[in-house]
């Protein structure tokens, strides 16, 4: 056997004959030498078997408290509930099942029927109004829920949406109200607050504040497209968004 070259022969373990290293059976006794003939490289040497490449490990979902300071991956349950309830309210209004549509909205001051403030926040009589408002709630509610969890999302929606309707009835006692553009604006403002604080301190931000401003403007102008929307709800939603967003931003930085 030459140094650095291929084996000149191998010994058959059955009959002891010298045979070629490139055959699978002994030509003298028929003994099986190997399962298959070896592969040869360009220099007619037996190619070494390459190890099979292992696929890269898959990243699993980040668990709660797995990395200090980073929130675990969670599903946006609160945001999904808010959007689904809005779709259900829109469907009930369009179908008027059992004459229930008139019982969902706010007509004047609710008085003892205070629950109308909540049902009206999930009712829409205009498809465009519903799509813009629920789309905003879905997008920015999901982003906020990833940062801070479901409770701030629910609180912002209730304060901006339901609180906006309640404030409108106090200022306009005879108003007919529905929809929750105040809740949508509260979510947008709370999401944008950390980036606005960073810009104020001279830092750079990664968030699309221009896109958020365009969406917020579309929601805020809903009273021009639907008389049941309220300018007062817009103001309540903006104030609530920044009032809740600033503490959330400071907590997140800490």
Protein backbone atom coordinates (compact mmCIF):
# COMPACT_ATOMS: atom_id res chain seq x y z
CA UNK A 1 0.00 0.00 0.00
CA UNK A 2 1.53 3.30 -1.12
CA UNK A 3 1.65 6.26 1.23
CA UNK A 4 -1.06 8.87 0.49
CA UNK A 5 -2.53 6.77 -2.37
CA UNK A 6 -5.43 4.38 -2.62
CA UNK A 7 -5.24 0.86 -1.16
CA UNK A 8 -3.79 -1.55 -3.77
CA UNK A 9 -5.78 -4.50 -2.46
CA UNK A 10 -7.74 -5.77 0.50
CA UNK A 11 -7.72 -9.22 2.05
CA UNK A 12 -10.90 -11.25 1.86
CA UNK A 13 -11.74 -12.41 5.38
CA UNK A 14 -13.33 -15.58 4.06
CA UNK A 15 -10.71 -17.06 1.69
CA UNK A 16 -7.71 -14.79 2.38
CA UNK A 17 -7.32 -13.75 -1.26
CA UNK A 18 -6.03 -10.37 -2.30
CA UNK A 19 -8.80 -8.54 -4.15
CA UNK A 20 -9.43 -5.05 -5.49
CA UNK A 21 -10.64 -2.49 -2.95
CA UNK A 22 -13.26 -1.24 -5.44
CA UNK A 23 -15.45 -4.35 -5.63
CA UNK A 24 -18.27 -5.39 -3.31
CA UNK A 25 -17.88 -9.21 -3.53
CA UNK A 26 -14.86 -11.48 -3.55
CA UNK A 27 -14.47 -13.00 -7.09
CA UNK A 28 -13.01 -16.20 -5.60
CA UNK A 29 -15.45 -17.16 -2.87
CA UNK A 30 -18.32 -14.70 -3.31
CA UNK A 31 -17.98 -13.30 0.19
CA UNK A 32 -19.60 -9.90 0.67
CA UNK A 33 -16.83 -7.35 1.23
CA UNK A 34 -18.92 -4.16 1.62
CA UNK A 35 -22.47 -2.97 0.97
CA UNK A 36 -21.56 -0.70 -1.93
CA UNK A 37 -18.49 0.33 -3.87
CA UNK A 38 -16.63 3.35 -2.45
CA UNK A 39 -16.84 6.69 -4.23
CA UNK A 40 -13.65 8.00 -5.82
CA UNK A 41 -12.46 11.58 -6.02
CA UNK A 42 -10.68 13.17 -8.98
CA UNK A 43 -7.37 11.58 -7.97
CA UNK A 44 -8.96 8.11 -7.92
CA UNK A 45 -8.76 8.02 -4.15
CA UNK A 46 -11.50 6.80 -1.90
CA UNK A 47 -13.52 9.88 -1.00
CA UNK A 48 -14.08 10.44 2.66
CA UNK A 49 -17.68 10.37 3.76
CA UNK A 50 -18.86 13.85 4.56
CA UNK A 51 -20.88 14.45 7.65
CA UNK A 52 -24.47 15.39 6.97
CA UNK A 53 -25.15 19.02 7.66
CA UNK A 54 -27.48 19.52 10.55
CA UNK A 55 -30.27 22.08 10.04
CA UNK A 56 -29.97 25.20 12.18
CA UNK A 57 -31.96 25.02 15.41
CA UNK A 58 -35.39 26.61 15.30
CA UNK A 59 -36.04 29.54 17.58
CA UNK A 60 -38.82 28.86 20.04
CA UNK A 61 -41.22 31.44 21.42
CA UNK A 62 -39.71 33.65 24.08
CA UNK A 63 -41.04 32.54 27.45
CA UNK A 64 -42.08 34.85 30.25
CA UNK A 65 -39.09 36.09 32.31
CA UNK A 66 -36.69 34.07 30.11
CA UNK A 67 -34.59 37.18 29.40
CA UNK A 68 -34.72 39.96 32.03
CA UNK A 69 -36.13 43.18 30.63
CA UNK A 70 -37.70 41.56 27.57
CA UNK A 71 -41.35 40.59 27.60
CA UNK A 72 -42.22 37.08 26.47
CA UNK A 73 -44.10 36.46 23.23
CA UNK A 74 -47.83 36.48 23.91
CA UNK A 75 -50.87 36.39 21.69
CA UNK A 76 -52.86 39.66 21.45
CA UNK A 77 -55.99 38.26 23.07
CA UNK A 78 -57.31 41.62 24.29
CA UNK A 79 -56.90 43.22 20.86
CA UNK A 80 -58.61 40.30 19.15
CA UNK A 81 -61.54 40.54 21.56
CA UNK A 82 -61.96 44.27 20.91
CA UNK A 83 -61.91 43.82 17.13
CA UNK A 84 -64.27 40.84 17.18
CA UNK A 85 -66.76 42.68 19.39
CA UNK A 86 -66.66 45.59 16.95
CA UNK A 87 -67.38 43.27 14.03
CA UNK A 88 -70.25 41.67 15.93
CA UNK A 89 -71.74 45.08 16.75
CA UNK A 90 -71.42 46.13 13.11
CA UNK A 91 -73.17 42.93 12.03
CA UNK A 92 -75.99 43.38 14.55
CA UNK A 93 -76.58 46.92 13.33
CA UNK A 94 -76.66 45.89 9.67
CA UNK A 95 -78.98 42.92 10.23
CA UNK A 96 -81.11 44.51 13.01
CA UNK A 97 -81.86 41.11 14.53
CA UNK A 98 -84.96 41.37 16.67
CA UNK A 99 -84.85 45.17 16.47
CA UNK A 100 -81.75 45.21 18.64
CA UNK A 101 -79.85 47.91 16.74
CA UNK A 102 -81.64 50.79 18.46
CA UNK A 103 -80.81 49.32 21.87
CA UNK A 104 -77.08 49.28 21.21
CA UNK A 105 -76.38 52.97 20.60
CA UNK A 106 -76.52 56.08 22.77
CA UNK A 107 -79.51 58.35 22.14
CA UNK A 108 -79.26 61.39 24.37
CA UNK A 109 -78.14 60.90 27.94
CA UNK A 110 -78.20 57.17 28.79
CA UNK A 111 -79.39 57.68 32.38
CA UNK A 112 -80.06 54.28 33.98
CA UNK A 113 -79.14 52.55 30.72
CA UNK A 114 -75.44 53.27 31.26
CA UNK A 115 -74.52 50.01 29.56
CA UNK A 116 -75.36 51.68 26.24
CA UNK A 117 -72.04 53.53 26.50
CA UNK A 118 -70.25 50.16 26.22
CA UNK A 119 -72.44 48.64 23.51
CA UNK A 120 -72.30 51.85 21.46
CA UNK A 121 -68.50 51.70 21.51
CA UNK A 122 -68.70 48.41 19.57
CA UNK A 123 -71.48 49.44 17.15
CA UNK A 124 -70.95 50.98 13.70
CA UNK A 125 -73.50 52.11 11.15
CA UNK A 126 -70.92 52.92 8.49
CA UNK A 127 -68.62 50.34 6.89
CA UNK A 128 -65.84 52.86 6.30
CA UNK A 129 -66.08 54.09 9.88
CA UNK A 130 -65.88 50.50 11.13
CA UNK A 131 -62.95 49.50 8.89
CA UNK A 132 -60.78 52.50 9.77
CA UNK A 133 -61.51 52.41 13.49
CA UNK A 134 -61.26 48.64 13.96
CA UNK A 135 -58.18 48.47 11.75
CA UNK A 136 -56.50 51.09 13.93
CA UNK A 137 -57.53 49.27 17.11
CA UNK A 138 -56.20 45.99 15.71
CA UNK A 139 -52.83 47.39 14.61
CA UNK A 140 -51.89 49.63 17.51
CA UNK A 141 -53.62 47.46 20.11
CA UNK A 142 -51.45 44.55 18.97
CA UNK A 143 -48.28 46.65 19.10
CA UNK A 144 -49.08 47.94 22.57
CA UNK A 145 -50.06 44.51 23.84
CA UNK A 146 -46.66 43.18 22.76
CA UNK A 147 -45.00 45.89 24.86
CA UNK A 148 -47.16 46.06 27.96
CA UNK A 149 -49.70 43.24 27.92
CA UNK A 150 -53.51 43.28 27.67
CA UNK A 151 -54.49 45.46 30.64
CA UNK A 152 -53.20 48.80 29.25
CA UNK A 153 -54.88 48.07 25.92
CA UNK A 154 -58.24 47.43 27.56
CA UNK A 155 -57.85 50.47 29.82
CA UNK A 156 -56.98 52.79 26.93
CA UNK A 157 -59.92 51.56 24.87
CA UNK A 158 -62.39 51.99 27.73
CA UNK A 159 -61.10 55.42 28.75
CA UNK A 160 -60.86 56.75 25.20
CA UNK A 161 -63.85 54.99 23.66
CA UNK A 162 -66.43 54.66 26.43
CA UNK A 163 -65.16 57.75 28.27
CA UNK A 164 -65.32 59.75 25.05
CA UNK A 165 -68.97 58.81 24.52
CA UNK A 166 -69.80 59.67 28.14
CA UNK A 167 -68.12 63.08 27.83
CA UNK A 168 -70.02 63.76 24.60
CA UNK A 169 -73.38 63.04 26.20
CA UNK A 170 -72.52 65.46 28.99
CA UNK A 171 -71.74 68.24 26.47
CA UNK A 172 -74.34 67.30 23.83
CA UNK A 173 -77.36 65.84 25.70
CA UNK A 174 -79.35 65.12 22.52
CA UNK A 175 -76.56 63.49 20.50
CA UNK A 176 -76.87 60.08 18.83
CA UNK A 177 -73.55 58.33 19.30
CA UNK A 178 -71.83 55.09 18.32
CA UNK A 179 -68.34 53.87 17.50
CA UNK A 180 -65.07 54.13 19.41
CA UNK A 181 -62.79 56.46 17.49
CA UNK A 182 -61.73 57.83 20.87
CA UNK A 183 -60.44 54.40 21.89
CA UNK A 184 -58.56 54.03 18.60
CA UNK A 185 -56.92 57.44 19.02
CA UNK A 186 -55.94 56.59 22.59
CA UNK A 187 -54.11 53.49 21.36
CA UNK A 188 -52.30 55.38 18.60
CA UNK A 189 -51.16 58.18 20.95
CA UNK A 190 -50.01 55.73 23.63
CA UNK A 191 -47.99 53.77 21.07
CA UNK A 192 -46.35 56.92 19.67
CA UNK A 193 -45.51 58.43 23.08
CA UNK A 194 -42.13 56.64 23.60
CA UNK A 195 -40.91 57.73 20.16
CA UNK A 196 -42.09 61.30 20.71
CA UNK A 197 -40.22 61.43 24.02
CA UNK A 198 -37.11 60.07 22.32
CA UNK A 199 -37.31 62.70 19.58
CA UNK A 200 -37.74 65.41 22.20
CA UNK A 201 -34.52 64.28 23.89
CA UNK A 202 -32.66 64.36 20.56
CA UNK A 203 -32.54 60.61 19.93
CA UNK A 204 -33.41 58.56 16.88
CA UNK A 205 -36.51 56.39 16.55
CA UNK A 206 -37.36 53.34 14.48
CA UNK A 207 -41.15 53.72 14.56
CA UNK A 208 -43.12 55.11 11.63
CA UNK A 209 -44.49 58.25 13.26
CA UNK A 210 -45.60 59.72 9.92
CA UNK A 211 -47.71 56.65 9.17
CA UNK A 212 -49.17 56.72 12.67
CA UNK A 213 -50.02 60.41 12.25
CA UNK A 214 -51.82 59.73 8.96
CA UNK A 215 -53.86 56.93 10.54
CA UNK A 216 -54.66 59.08 13.58
CA UNK A 217 -55.81 61.92 11.30
CA UNK A 218 -58.10 59.56 9.39
CA UNK A 219 -59.68 58.38 12.64
CA UNK A 220 -59.97 61.89 14.08
CA UNK A 221 -61.80 63.13 10.96
CA UNK A 222 -64.51 60.49 11.22
CA UNK A 223 -67.10 63.07 12.46
CA UNK A 224 -66.97 64.54 8.94
CA UNK A 225 -68.06 61.20 7.46
CA UNK A 226 -70.50 60.03 10.14
CA UNK A 227 -72.71 62.26 12.29
CA UNK A 228 -72.69 59.59 15.02
CA UNK A 229 -68.95 60.13 15.54
CA UNK A 230 -67.89 62.81 18.01
CA UNK A 231 -65.22 65.49 18.10
CA UNK A 232 -65.36 65.33 21.88
CA UNK A 233 -64.45 61.63 21.75
CA UNK A 234 -61.43 62.58 19.65
CA UNK A 235 -60.20 64.97 22.33
CA UNK A 236 -60.79 62.48 25.14
CA UNK A 237 -58.97 59.75 23.23
CA UNK A 238 -55.92 61.94 22.53
CA UNK A 239 -55.67 63.12 26.12
CA UNK A 240 -56.13 59.59 27.47
CA UNK A 241 -53.52 58.20 25.08
CA UNK A 242 -50.79 60.59 26.21
CA UNK A 243 -51.84 60.49 29.87
CA UNK A 244 -51.49 56.70 29.96
CA UNK A 245 -48.71 56.49 27.38
CA UNK A 246 -46.22 58.66 29.26
CA UNK A 247 -46.15 56.47 32.41
CA UNK A 248 -46.00 53.34 30.26
CA UNK A 249 -43.04 54.79 28.32
CA UNK A 250 -41.19 55.68 31.53
CA UNK A 251 -41.81 52.22 32.97
CA UNK A 252 -40.55 50.63 29.76
CA UNK A 253 -37.33 52.68 29.82
CA UNK A 254 -36.72 51.74 33.43
